[in-house]
Amino acid sequence: MASWQTSGPRTALRRDWDWLANWCNVRLIVVGRRPVVLEFSKRARVQPSSVFGPDMLQGEGQDLFAERMRRIGPHLSMKKYVFQVRNDDGLNHFREVSRRCSSLYFVLAYHDPDVGEYDSYLIRQGRSRAYAVPEGLIDSVLSRHGVDYDADDDENEGRYWEASWEIMDQAESRWLARFVRRAGPRDA
């Protein structure tokens, strides 16, 4: 039977067997008109559990982090959230969130280090489109960063994570570039 424990300054209760879970690294980018993104941002800040699941708020190695909102067009803004998800990619959760926030677009990019997957989704009004980063691109980026699968040292691990962030950038830009190109002129 699992016992409940708290870990350091964290306030949420965790099971002592959480370390067995498969944690994915996730980025959620919320895109829409500035006032709507601001409203979403406020709700996520004031009542984060109304937007994010418990594992998203407090991950294995990283808690939920929000970047500053950025303007990406005359009337468009985006806000990025970085977090981890346990045993999932978060798609179904954010499809549900998108039904409640029907005027926003959500770009969800994730990396599952256990299987080497890098995927992303464009989500709106409960529907989603998927993009899987091709294996050739993944191999190319890992190679360019000098990742050695046989090495077990801190430098190699650092190169691996730098390459992973670059691949996630590519996964999210797949949708952001299309969205800004398509939606930008209508907002002018």
N, C-alpha and C. Protein backbone atom coordinates (compact mmCIF):
# COMPACT_ATOMS: atom_id res chain seq x y z
N MET A 1 0.84 -1.18 0.00
CA MET A 1 0.00 0.00 0.00
C MET A 1 0.89 1.25 0.00
N ALA A 2 0.56 2.22 -0.83
CA ALA A 2 1.35 3.45 -0.93
C ALA A 2 1.01 4.38 0.23
N SER A 3 2.02 5.07 0.69
CA SER A 3 1.78 6.04 1.75
C SER A 3 1.83 7.44 1.17
N TRP A 4 1.14 8.36 1.80
CA TRP A 4 1.14 9.75 1.36
C TRP A 4 2.29 10.48 2.01
N GLN A 5 2.98 11.28 1.22
CA GLN A 5 4.11 12.04 1.74
C GLN A 5 4.12 13.43 1.13
N THR A 6 4.76 14.35 1.81
CA THR A 6 5.04 15.63 1.19
C THR A 6 6.53 15.68 0.93
N SER A 7 6.92 16.44 -0.06
CA SER A 7 8.32 16.48 -0.45
C SER A 7 8.82 17.91 -0.37
N GLY A 8 9.72 18.19 0.55
CA GLY A 8 10.30 19.53 0.68
C GLY A 8 9.23 20.59 0.88
N PRO A 9 9.40 21.74 0.17
CA PRO A 9 8.46 22.84 0.34
C PRO A 9 7.14 22.64 -0.39
N ARG A 10 7.02 21.56 -1.12
CA ARG A 10 5.80 21.34 -1.89
C ARG A 10 4.63 21.12 -0.94
N THR A 11 3.48 21.61 -1.35
CA THR A 11 2.32 21.50 -0.48
C THR A 11 1.38 20.39 -0.91
N ALA A 12 1.44 19.99 -2.17
CA ALA A 12 0.54 18.94 -2.64
C ALA A 12 1.01 17.58 -2.12
N LEU A 13 0.08 16.72 -1.84
CA LEU A 13 0.43 15.37 -1.39
C LEU A 13 0.81 14.53 -2.60
N ARG A 14 1.79 13.65 -2.41
CA ARG A 14 2.27 12.80 -3.49
C ARG A 14 2.37 11.37 -2.97
N ARG A 15 2.17 10.43 -3.85
CA ARG A 15 2.37 9.03 -3.48
C ARG A 15 3.85 8.71 -3.58
N ASP A 16 4.33 7.85 -2.70
CA ASP A 16 5.76 7.54 -2.72
C ASP A 16 6.16 6.71 -3.94
N TRP A 17 5.20 6.23 -4.74
CA TRP A 17 5.54 5.47 -5.93
C TRP A 17 5.41 6.29 -7.20
N ASP A 18 5.29 7.62 -7.08
CA ASP A 18 5.21 8.48 -8.27
C ASP A 18 6.44 8.35 -9.16
N TRP A 19 7.57 8.00 -8.59
CA TRP A 19 8.79 7.90 -9.38
C TRP A 19 8.68 6.82 -10.45
N LEU A 20 7.73 5.90 -10.32
CA LEU A 20 7.53 4.86 -11.33
C LEU A 20 6.82 5.39 -12.57
N ALA A 21 6.25 6.56 -12.49
CA ALA A 21 5.48 7.12 -13.59
C ALA A 21 6.39 7.53 -14.74
N ASN A 22 5.80 7.62 -15.91
CA ASN A 22 6.49 8.12 -17.10
C ASN A 22 6.10 9.59 -17.25
N TRP A 23 7.07 10.49 -17.08
CA TRP A 23 6.81 11.92 -17.13
C TRP A 23 7.19 12.48 -18.49
N CYS A 24 6.27 13.20 -19.12
CA CYS A 24 6.54 13.88 -20.39
C CYS A 24 6.74 15.37 -20.14
N ASN A 25 7.64 15.97 -20.90
CA ASN A 25 7.86 17.41 -20.84
C ASN A 25 6.91 18.07 -21.83
N VAL A 26 6.19 19.09 -21.37
CA VAL A 26 5.12 19.67 -22.17
C VAL A 26 5.22 21.18 -22.20
N ARG A 27 4.83 21.74 -23.34
CA ARG A 27 4.66 23.18 -23.48
C ARG A 27 3.26 23.42 -24.02
N LEU A 28 2.56 24.33 -23.41
CA LEU A 28 1.24 24.74 -23.88
C LEU A 28 1.35 26.20 -24.26
N ILE A 29 1.00 26.51 -25.50
CA ILE A 29 1.00 27.89 -25.97
C ILE A 29 -0.44 28.27 -26.26
N VAL A 30 -0.90 29.31 -25.59
CA VAL A 30 -2.27 29.80 -25.74
C VAL A 30 -2.21 31.00 -26.66
N VAL A 31 -2.98 30.98 -27.75
CA VAL A 31 -2.95 32.04 -28.75
C VAL A 31 -4.36 32.58 -28.98
N GLY A 32 -4.46 33.89 -29.03
CA GLY A 32 -5.74 34.51 -29.32
C GLY A 32 -5.66 36.02 -29.21
N ARG A 33 -6.81 36.65 -29.23
CA ARG A 33 -6.85 38.09 -29.05
C ARG A 33 -6.36 38.42 -27.64
N ARG A 34 -5.65 39.53 -27.52
CA ARG A 34 -4.99 39.90 -26.27
C ARG A 34 -5.92 39.84 -25.05
N PRO A 35 -7.13 40.44 -25.09
CA PRO A 35 -7.98 40.41 -23.89
C PRO A 35 -8.38 38.99 -23.48
N VAL A 36 -8.56 38.11 -24.45
CA VAL A 36 -8.97 36.74 -24.14
C VAL A 36 -7.80 35.96 -23.55
N VAL A 37 -6.59 36.17 -24.09
CA VAL A 37 -5.40 35.52 -23.53
C VAL A 37 -5.15 36.04 -22.12
N LEU A 38 -5.34 37.34 -21.91
CA LEU A 38 -5.19 37.91 -20.56
C LEU A 38 -6.17 37.28 -19.57
N GLU A 39 -7.41 37.11 -20.00
CA GLU A 39 -8.42 36.48 -19.14
C GLU A 39 -8.03 35.04 -18.80
N PHE A 40 -7.56 34.29 -19.80
CA PHE A 40 -7.12 32.92 -19.57
C PHE A 40 -5.94 32.91 -18.60
N SER A 41 -4.99 33.81 -18.83
CA SER A 41 -3.80 33.90 -17.98
C SER A 41 -4.16 34.20 -16.53
N LYS A 42 -5.12 35.10 -16.35
CA LYS A 42 -5.55 35.44 -14.99
C LYS A 42 -6.18 34.22 -14.32
N ARG A 43 -7.03 33.51 -15.06
CA ARG A 43 -7.67 32.32 -14.48
C ARG A 43 -6.62 31.26 -14.13
N ALA A 44 -5.62 31.09 -15.01
CA ALA A 44 -4.57 30.10 -14.76
C ALA A 44 -3.73 30.49 -13.55
N ARG A 45 -3.58 31.78 -13.31
CA ARG A 45 -2.77 32.25 -12.18
C ARG A 45 -3.56 32.20 -10.87
N VAL A 46 -4.82 32.63 -10.91
CA VAL A 46 -5.64 32.72 -9.70
C VAL A 46 -6.17 31.35 -9.28
N GLN A 47 -6.59 30.57 -10.25
CA GLN A 47 -7.15 29.24 -9.96
C GLN A 47 -6.55 28.22 -10.93
N PRO A 48 -5.28 27.89 -10.76
CA PRO A 48 -4.59 27.02 -11.73
C PRO A 48 -5.25 25.65 -11.92
N SER A 49 -5.89 25.14 -10.90
CA SER A 49 -6.52 23.82 -11.03
C SER A 49 -7.73 23.85 -11.97
N SER A 50 -8.21 25.03 -12.35
CA SER A 50 -9.30 25.11 -13.31
C SER A 50 -8.79 24.93 -14.75
N VAL A 51 -7.48 24.99 -14.93
CA VAL A 51 -6.88 24.86 -16.25
C VAL A 51 -5.94 23.65 -16.33
N PHE A 52 -5.19 23.40 -15.28
CA PHE A 52 -4.17 22.36 -15.29
C PHE A 52 -4.50 21.25 -14.29
N GLY A 53 -4.13 20.02 -14.64
CA GLY A 53 -4.31 18.90 -13.74
C GLY A 53 -3.27 18.91 -12.64
N PRO A 54 -3.48 18.12 -11.56
CA PRO A 54 -2.55 18.10 -10.43
C PRO A 54 -1.11 17.74 -10.83
N ASP A 55 -0.95 16.78 -11.74
CA ASP A 55 0.40 16.40 -12.15
C ASP A 55 1.06 17.50 -12.98
N MET A 56 0.27 18.34 -13.64
CA MET A 56 0.79 19.45 -14.43
C MET A 56 1.27 20.59 -13.54
N LEU A 57 0.60 20.75 -12.42
CA LEU A 57 0.98 21.81 -11.48
C LEU A 57 2.29 21.47 -10.77
N GLN A 58 2.50 20.19 -10.53
CA GLN A 58 3.66 19.75 -9.78
C GLN A 58 4.22 18.48 -10.41
N GLY A 59 5.19 18.65 -11.28
CA GLY A 59 5.77 17.53 -12.00
C GLY A 59 6.87 16.84 -11.22
N GLU A 60 7.46 15.86 -11.86
CA GLU A 60 8.55 15.10 -11.24
C GLU A 60 9.79 15.97 -11.03
N GLY A 61 10.19 16.70 -12.07
CA GLY A 61 11.40 17.50 -11.98
C GLY A 61 11.17 18.98 -12.21
N GLN A 62 9.93 19.34 -12.51
CA GLN A 62 9.63 20.74 -12.82
C GLN A 62 8.17 21.03 -12.51
N ASP A 63 7.94 22.10 -11.80
CA ASP A 63 6.57 22.55 -11.55
C ASP A 63 6.14 23.47 -12.70
N LEU A 64 4.87 23.74 -12.76
CA LEU A 64 4.31 24.61 -13.79
C LEU A 64 5.03 25.96 -13.80
N PHE A 65 5.39 26.40 -14.99
CA PHE A 65 6.07 27.68 -15.17
C PHE A 65 5.41 28.41 -16.32
N ALA A 66 5.15 29.70 -16.16
CA ALA A 66 4.53 30.51 -17.21
C ALA A 66 5.50 31.59 -17.66
N GLU A 67 5.62 31.74 -18.97
CA GLU A 67 6.42 32.83 -19.52
C GLU A 67 5.54 34.06 -19.66
N ARG A 68 6.15 35.18 -19.91
CA ARG A 68 5.39 36.42 -20.11
C ARG A 68 4.61 36.34 -21.41
N MET A 69 3.47 37.00 -21.44
CA MET A 69 2.67 37.06 -22.65
C MET A 69 3.43 37.86 -23.70
N ARG A 70 3.35 37.42 -24.96
CA ARG A 70 4.02 38.11 -26.07
C ARG A 70 3.01 38.45 -27.16
N ARG A 71 3.22 39.56 -27.78
CA ARG A 71 2.41 39.97 -28.93
C ARG A 71 2.99 39.30 -30.17
N ILE A 72 2.13 38.68 -31.00
CA ILE A 72 2.61 38.01 -32.22
C ILE A 72 1.93 38.54 -33.47
N GLY A 73 1.10 39.53 -33.33
CA GLY A 73 0.42 40.14 -34.46
C GLY A 73 -0.28 41.39 -33.97
N PRO A 74 -0.91 42.11 -34.89
CA PRO A 74 -1.56 43.37 -34.50
C PRO A 74 -2.55 43.21 -33.34
N HIS A 75 -3.28 42.11 -33.33
CA HIS A 75 -4.27 41.89 -32.26
C HIS A 75 -4.11 40.52 -31.62
N LEU A 76 -3.02 39.85 -31.91
CA LEU A 76 -2.80 38.50 -31.39
C LEU A 76 -1.71 38.49 -30.33
N SER A 77 -1.94 37.67 -29.32
CA SER A 77 -0.95 37.46 -28.28
C SER A 77 -0.83 35.98 -28.00
N MET A 78 0.28 35.62 -27.37
CA MET A 78 0.46 34.22 -26.96
C MET A 78 1.09 34.18 -25.58
N LYS A 79 0.77 33.13 -24.86
CA LYS A 79 1.34 32.90 -23.53
C LYS A 79 1.74 31.45 -23.48
N LYS A 80 2.98 31.20 -23.02
CA LYS A 80 3.50 29.84 -22.98
C LYS A 80 3.60 29.35 -21.55
N TYR A 81 3.17 28.10 -21.36
CA TYR A 81 3.26 27.41 -20.08
C TYR A 81 4.14 26.18 -20.29
N VAL A 82 5.04 25.92 -19.35
CA VAL A 82 5.94 24.78 -19.42
C VAL A 82 5.70 23.93 -18.17
N PHE A 83 5.54 22.63 -18.36
CA PHE A 83 5.23 21.75 -17.23
C PHE A 83 5.49 20.30 -17.63
N GLN A 84 5.18 19.39 -16.75
CA GLN A 84 5.28 17.96 -17.02
C GLN A 84 3.92 17.31 -16.81
N VAL A 85 3.72 16.20 -17.52
CA VAL A 85 2.49 15.42 -17.39
C VAL A 85 2.88 13.98 -17.13
N ARG A 86 2.14 13.34 -16.24
CA ARG A 86 2.43 11.96 -15.86
C ARG A 86 1.61 10.99 -16.70
N ASN A 87 2.30 10.06 -17.38
CA ASN A 87 1.68 8.97 -18.14
C ASN A 87 0.69 9.43 -19.20
N ASP A 88 0.97 10.57 -19.83
CA ASP A 88 0.02 11.13 -20.80
C ASP A 88 0.72 12.24 -21.57
N ASP A 89 0.09 12.71 -22.64
CA ASP A 89 0.62 13.87 -23.35
C ASP A 89 -0.21 15.12 -23.10
N GLY A 90 -1.34 14.98 -22.41
CA GLY A 90 -2.19 16.13 -22.07
C GLY A 90 -3.22 16.47 -23.12
N LEU A 91 -3.26 15.76 -24.23
CA LEU A 91 -4.17 16.11 -25.32
C LEU A 91 -5.64 16.12 -24.88
N ASN A 92 -6.11 15.04 -24.30
CA ASN A 92 -7.53 14.98 -23.92
C ASN A 92 -7.89 16.06 -22.91
N HIS A 93 -7.00 16.32 -21.98
CA HIS A 93 -7.25 17.36 -20.98
C HIS A 93 -7.44 18.72 -21.66
N PHE A 94 -6.53 19.08 -22.59
CA PHE A 94 -6.62 20.40 -23.20
C PHE A 94 -7.66 20.47 -24.32
N ARG A 95 -8.08 19.34 -24.85
CA ARG A 95 -9.24 19.38 -25.76
C ARG A 95 -10.47 19.81 -24.96
N GLU A 96 -10.57 19.31 -23.74
CA GLU A 96 -11.69 19.70 -22.87
C GLU A 96 -11.58 21.18 -22.49
N VAL A 97 -10.39 21.63 -22.12
CA VAL A 97 -10.19 23.05 -21.78
C VAL A 97 -10.56 23.93 -22.98
N SER A 98 -10.20 23.50 -24.18
CA SER A 98 -10.48 24.30 -25.38
C SER A 98 -11.98 24.42 -25.67
N ARG A 99 -12.77 23.47 -25.20
CA ARG A 99 -14.23 23.59 -25.36
C ARG A 99 -14.78 24.76 -24.53
N ARG A 100 -14.16 24.99 -23.37
CA ARG A 100 -14.59 26.10 -22.50
C ARG A 100 -14.03 27.43 -22.96
N CYS A 101 -12.93 27.40 -23.70
CA CYS A 101 -12.25 28.62 -24.15
C CYS A 101 -12.26 28.62 -25.68
N SER A 102 -13.45 28.70 -26.25
CA SER A 102 -13.62 28.43 -27.67
C SER A 102 -13.00 29.46 -28.61
N SER A 103 -12.63 30.63 -28.14
CA SER A 103 -12.02 31.61 -29.04
C SER A 103 -10.49 31.56 -29.02
N LEU A 104 -9.93 30.63 -28.26
CA LEU A 104 -8.48 30.50 -28.18
C LEU A 104 -7.99 29.30 -28.99
N TYR A 105 -6.77 29.41 -29.45
CA TYR A 105 -6.05 28.28 -30.03
C TYR A 105 -5.06 27.80 -28.99
N PHE A 106 -4.82 26.50 -28.96
CA PHE A 106 -3.84 25.91 -28.05
C PHE A 106 -2.86 25.09 -28.89
N VAL A 107 -1.59 25.35 -28.70
CA VAL A 107 -0.54 24.55 -29.31
C VAL A 107 0.09 23.77 -28.16
N LEU A 108 0.02 22.46 -28.25
CA LEU A 108 0.54 21.58 -27.20
C LEU A 108 1.69 20.78 -27.79
N ALA A 109 2.90 21.01 -27.31
CA ALA A 109 4.07 20.26 -27.77
C ALA A 109 4.59 19.43 -26.60
N TYR A 110 4.98 18.19 -26.89
CA TYR A 110 5.49 17.36 -25.80
C TYR A 110 6.62 16.47 -26.26
N HIS A 111 7.40 16.06 -25.26
CA HIS A 111 8.52 15.14 -25.47
C HIS A 111 8.40 14.03 -24.44
N ASP A 112 8.35 12.81 -24.91
CA ASP A 112 8.36 11.65 -24.03
C ASP A 112 9.75 11.04 -24.07
N PRO A 113 10.60 11.34 -23.07
CA PRO A 113 11.98 10.85 -23.10
C PRO A 113 12.10 9.33 -23.03
N ASP A 114 11.09 8.64 -22.52
CA ASP A 114 11.18 7.18 -22.42
C ASP A 114 11.15 6.50 -23.79
N VAL A 115 10.43 7.10 -24.74
CA VAL A 115 10.34 6.49 -26.07
C VAL A 115 10.91 7.39 -27.17
N GLY A 116 11.36 8.58 -26.82
CA GLY A 116 11.98 9.47 -27.80
C GLY A 116 11.01 10.16 -28.73
N GLU A 117 9.74 10.28 -28.32
CA GLU A 117 8.73 10.94 -29.16
C GLU A 117 8.72 12.44 -28.92
N TYR A 118 8.55 13.17 -30.01
CA TYR A 118 8.35 14.62 -29.97
C TYR A 118 7.15 14.88 -30.87
N ASP A 119 6.06 15.31 -30.29
CA ASP A 119 4.84 15.55 -31.06
C ASP A 119 4.25 16.88 -30.65
N SER A 120 3.31 17.34 -31.46
CA SER A 120 2.58 18.55 -31.09
C SER A 120 1.17 18.48 -31.66
N TYR A 121 0.31 19.30 -31.08
CA TYR A 121 -1.09 19.35 -31.49
C TYR A 121 -1.52 20.81 -31.61
N LEU A 122 -2.40 21.05 -32.57
CA LEU A 122 -3.12 22.32 -32.63
C LEU A 122 -4.53 22.00 -32.17
N ILE A 123 -4.97 22.68 -31.11
CA ILE A 123 -6.26 22.36 -30.49
C ILE A 123 -7.15 23.58 -30.52
N ARG A 124 -8.41 23.38 -30.90
CA ARG A 124 -9.38 24.46 -30.85
C ARG A 124 -10.77 23.86 -30.77
N GLN A 125 -11.58 24.39 -29.87
CA GLN A 125 -12.99 24.00 -29.71
C GLN A 125 -13.18 22.49 -29.62
N GLY A 126 -12.31 21.83 -28.87
CA GLY A 126 -12.44 20.39 -28.64
C GLY A 126 -11.88 19.51 -29.74
N ARG A 127 -11.38 20.11 -30.80
CA ARG A 127 -10.81 19.33 -31.90
C ARG A 127 -9.31 19.53 -31.95
N SER A 128 -8.62 18.57 -32.55
CA SER A 128 -7.17 18.69 -32.59
C SER A 128 -6.61 18.12 -33.90
N ARG A 129 -5.46 18.64 -34.25
CA ARG A 129 -4.67 18.12 -35.36
C ARG A 129 -3.29 17.79 -34.80
N ALA A 130 -2.70 16.71 -35.28
CA ALA A 130 -1.45 16.22 -34.72
C ALA A 130 -0.28 16.36 -35.70
N TYR A 131 0.90 16.50 -35.15
CA TYR A 131 2.14 16.50 -35.91
C TYR A 131 3.18 15.73 -35.12
N ALA A 132 3.77 14.74 -35.75
CA ALA A 132 4.86 13.97 -35.13
C ALA A 132 6.16 14.41 -35.80
N VAL A 133 7.12 14.83 -35.02
CA VAL A 133 8.41 15.23 -35.57
C VAL A 133 9.06 14.00 -36.20
N PRO A 134 9.46 14.09 -37.46
CA PRO A 134 10.05 12.93 -38.13
C PRO A 134 11.33 12.45 -37.45
N GLU A 135 11.52 11.14 -37.44
CA GLU A 135 12.71 10.56 -36.80
C GLU A 135 14.00 11.10 -37.39
N GLY A 136 14.02 11.33 -38.70
CA GLY A 136 15.22 11.87 -39.34
C GLY A 136 15.59 13.24 -38.79
N LEU A 137 14.61 14.07 -38.53
CA LEU A 137 14.86 15.39 -37.96
C LEU A 137 15.38 15.26 -36.52
N ILE A 138 14.77 14.37 -35.76
CA ILE A 138 15.21 14.13 -34.38
C ILE A 138 16.66 13.68 -34.38
N ASP A 139 16.99 12.69 -35.22
CA ASP A 139 18.36 12.18 -35.28
C ASP A 139 19.34 13.26 -35.70
N SER A 140 18.92 14.09 -36.64
CA SER A 140 19.79 15.17 -37.13
C SER A 140 20.11 16.18 -36.03
N VAL A 141 19.10 16.57 -35.27
CA VAL A 141 19.31 17.55 -34.20
C VAL A 141 20.16 16.95 -33.09
N LEU A 142 19.88 15.72 -32.70
CA LEU A 142 20.67 15.06 -31.66
C LEU A 142 22.13 14.94 -32.09
N SER A 143 22.35 14.58 -33.35
CA SER A 143 23.70 14.45 -33.87
C SER A 143 24.41 15.80 -33.91
N ARG A 144 23.72 16.83 -34.36
CA ARG A 144 24.30 18.17 -34.44
C ARG A 144 24.74 18.67 -33.06
N HIS A 145 24.02 18.27 -32.02
CA HIS A 145 24.37 18.66 -30.66
C HIS A 145 25.44 17.73 -30.04
N GLY A 146 25.81 16.68 -30.77
CA GLY A 146 26.86 15.78 -30.28
C GLY A 146 26.40 14.81 -29.21
N VAL A 147 25.12 14.43 -29.24
CA VAL A 147 24.60 13.49 -28.25
C VAL A 147 25.14 12.10 -28.56
N ASP A 148 25.71 11.45 -27.55
CA ASP A 148 26.26 10.10 -27.67
C ASP A 148 25.43 9.19 -26.77
N TYR A 149 24.71 8.24 -27.39
CA TYR A 149 23.83 7.36 -26.61
C TYR A 149 24.60 6.43 -25.67
N ASP A 150 25.88 6.23 -25.91
CA ASP A 150 26.66 5.34 -25.06
C ASP A 150 27.33 6.07 -23.90
N ALA A 151 27.38 7.40 -23.96
CA ALA A 151 28.03 8.17 -22.90
C ALA A 151 27.06 8.38 -21.74
N ASP A 152 27.61 8.36 -20.54
CA ASP A 152 26.78 8.56 -19.35
C ASP A 152 27.46 9.60 -18.46
N ASP A 153 27.49 10.84 -18.95
CA ASP A 153 28.12 11.90 -18.18
C ASP A 153 27.25 13.16 -18.25
N ASP A 154 27.55 14.11 -17.39
CA ASP A 154 26.74 15.32 -17.29
C ASP A 154 26.77 16.16 -18.56
N GLU A 155 27.92 16.24 -19.22
CA GLU A 155 28.02 17.02 -20.45
C GLU A 155 27.12 16.45 -21.54
N ASN A 156 27.14 15.14 -21.69
CA ASN A 156 26.30 14.50 -22.70
C ASN A 156 24.82 14.70 -22.37
N GLU A 157 24.47 14.60 -21.10
CA GLU A 157 23.08 14.83 -20.70
C GLU A 157 22.66 16.26 -21.00
N GLY A 158 23.56 17.22 -20.76
CA GLY A 158 23.28 18.62 -21.10
C GLY A 158 23.05 18.80 -22.59
N ARG A 159 23.88 18.15 -23.41
CA ARG A 159 23.69 18.23 -24.87
C ARG A 159 22.36 17.61 -25.28
N TYR A 160 22.00 16.51 -24.61
CA TYR A 160 20.72 15.85 -24.91
C TYR A 160 19.54 16.79 -24.63
N TRP A 161 19.57 17.47 -23.49
CA TRP A 161 18.45 18.35 -23.15
C TRP A 161 18.41 19.58 -24.04
N GLU A 162 19.57 20.12 -24.42
CA GLU A 162 19.58 21.24 -25.37
C GLU A 162 18.97 20.82 -26.70
N ALA A 163 19.35 19.64 -27.18
CA ALA A 163 18.79 19.12 -28.43
C ALA A 163 17.28 18.90 -28.28
N SER A 164 16.86 18.38 -27.15
CA SER A 164 15.43 18.13 -26.92
C SER A 164 14.63 19.42 -26.96
N TRP A 165 15.17 20.48 -26.35
CA TRP A 165 14.46 21.77 -26.37
C TRP A 165 14.34 22.30 -27.80
N GLU A 166 15.40 22.11 -28.57
CA GLU A 166 15.36 22.57 -29.97
C GLU A 166 14.30 21.79 -30.76
N ILE A 167 14.24 20.49 -30.53
CA ILE A 167 13.24 19.67 -31.24
C ILE A 167 11.83 20.09 -30.82
N MET A 168 11.62 20.36 -29.53
CA MET A 168 10.31 20.83 -29.09
C MET A 168 9.98 22.19 -29.71
N ASP A 169 10.99 23.06 -29.86
CA ASP A 169 10.78 24.34 -30.56
C ASP A 169 10.25 24.08 -31.96
N GLN A 170 10.83 23.11 -32.64
CA GLN A 170 10.40 22.79 -34.00
C GLN A 170 8.98 22.22 -34.01
N ALA A 171 8.67 21.40 -33.02
CA ALA A 171 7.32 20.82 -32.95
C ALA A 171 6.26 21.89 -32.75
N GLU A 172 6.54 22.87 -31.89
CA GLU A 172 5.54 23.93 -31.66
C GLU A 172 5.51 24.93 -32.81
N SER A 173 6.66 25.20 -33.44
CA SER A 173 6.68 26.19 -34.53
C SER A 173 5.91 25.70 -35.74
N ARG A 174 5.77 24.39 -35.87
CA ARG A 174 4.97 23.82 -36.96
C ARG A 174 3.58 24.47 -36.99
N TRP A 175 2.98 24.61 -35.81
CA TRP A 175 1.63 25.18 -35.74
C TRP A 175 1.66 26.69 -35.62
N LEU A 176 2.57 27.23 -34.85
CA LEU A 176 2.62 28.68 -34.67
C LEU A 176 2.85 29.40 -35.99
N ALA A 177 3.76 28.90 -36.81
CA ALA A 177 4.04 29.53 -38.10
C ALA A 177 2.79 29.51 -38.98
N ARG A 178 2.12 28.39 -39.05
CA ARG A 178 0.90 28.29 -39.85
C ARG A 178 -0.18 29.22 -39.32
N PHE A 179 -0.34 29.20 -38.00
CA PHE A 179 -1.40 29.99 -37.40
C PHE A 179 -1.18 31.48 -37.61
N VAL A 180 0.02 31.94 -37.36
CA VAL A 180 0.32 33.37 -37.51
C VAL A 180 0.18 33.78 -38.97
N ARG A 181 0.66 32.94 -39.88
CA ARG A 181 0.55 33.24 -41.31
C ARG A 181 -0.93 33.33 -41.72
N ARG A 182 -1.74 32.40 -41.23
CA ARG A 182 -3.15 32.35 -41.63
C ARG A 182 -3.99 33.39 -40.90
N ALA A 183 -3.81 33.55 -39.61
CA ALA A 183 -4.66 34.43 -38.81
C ALA A 183 -4.17 35.87 -38.78
N GLY A 184 -2.89 36.08 -38.94
CA GLY A 184 -2.33 37.42 -38.84
C GLY A 184 -3.00 38.46 -39.72
N PRO A 185 -3.12 38.26 -41.04
CA PRO A 185 -3.70 39.29 -41.88
C PRO A 185 -5.15 39.62 -41.54
N ARG A 186 -5.90 38.66 -41.05
CA ARG A 186 -7.30 38.94 -40.68
C ARG A 186 -7.38 39.85 -39.45
N ASP A 187 -6.34 39.85 -38.65
CA ASP A 187 -6.35 40.67 -37.45
C ASP A 187 -5.90 42.10 -37.71
N ALA A 188 -5.35 42.35 -38.86
CA ALA A 188 -4.81 43.69 -39.14
C ALA A 188 -5.90 44.73 -39.25
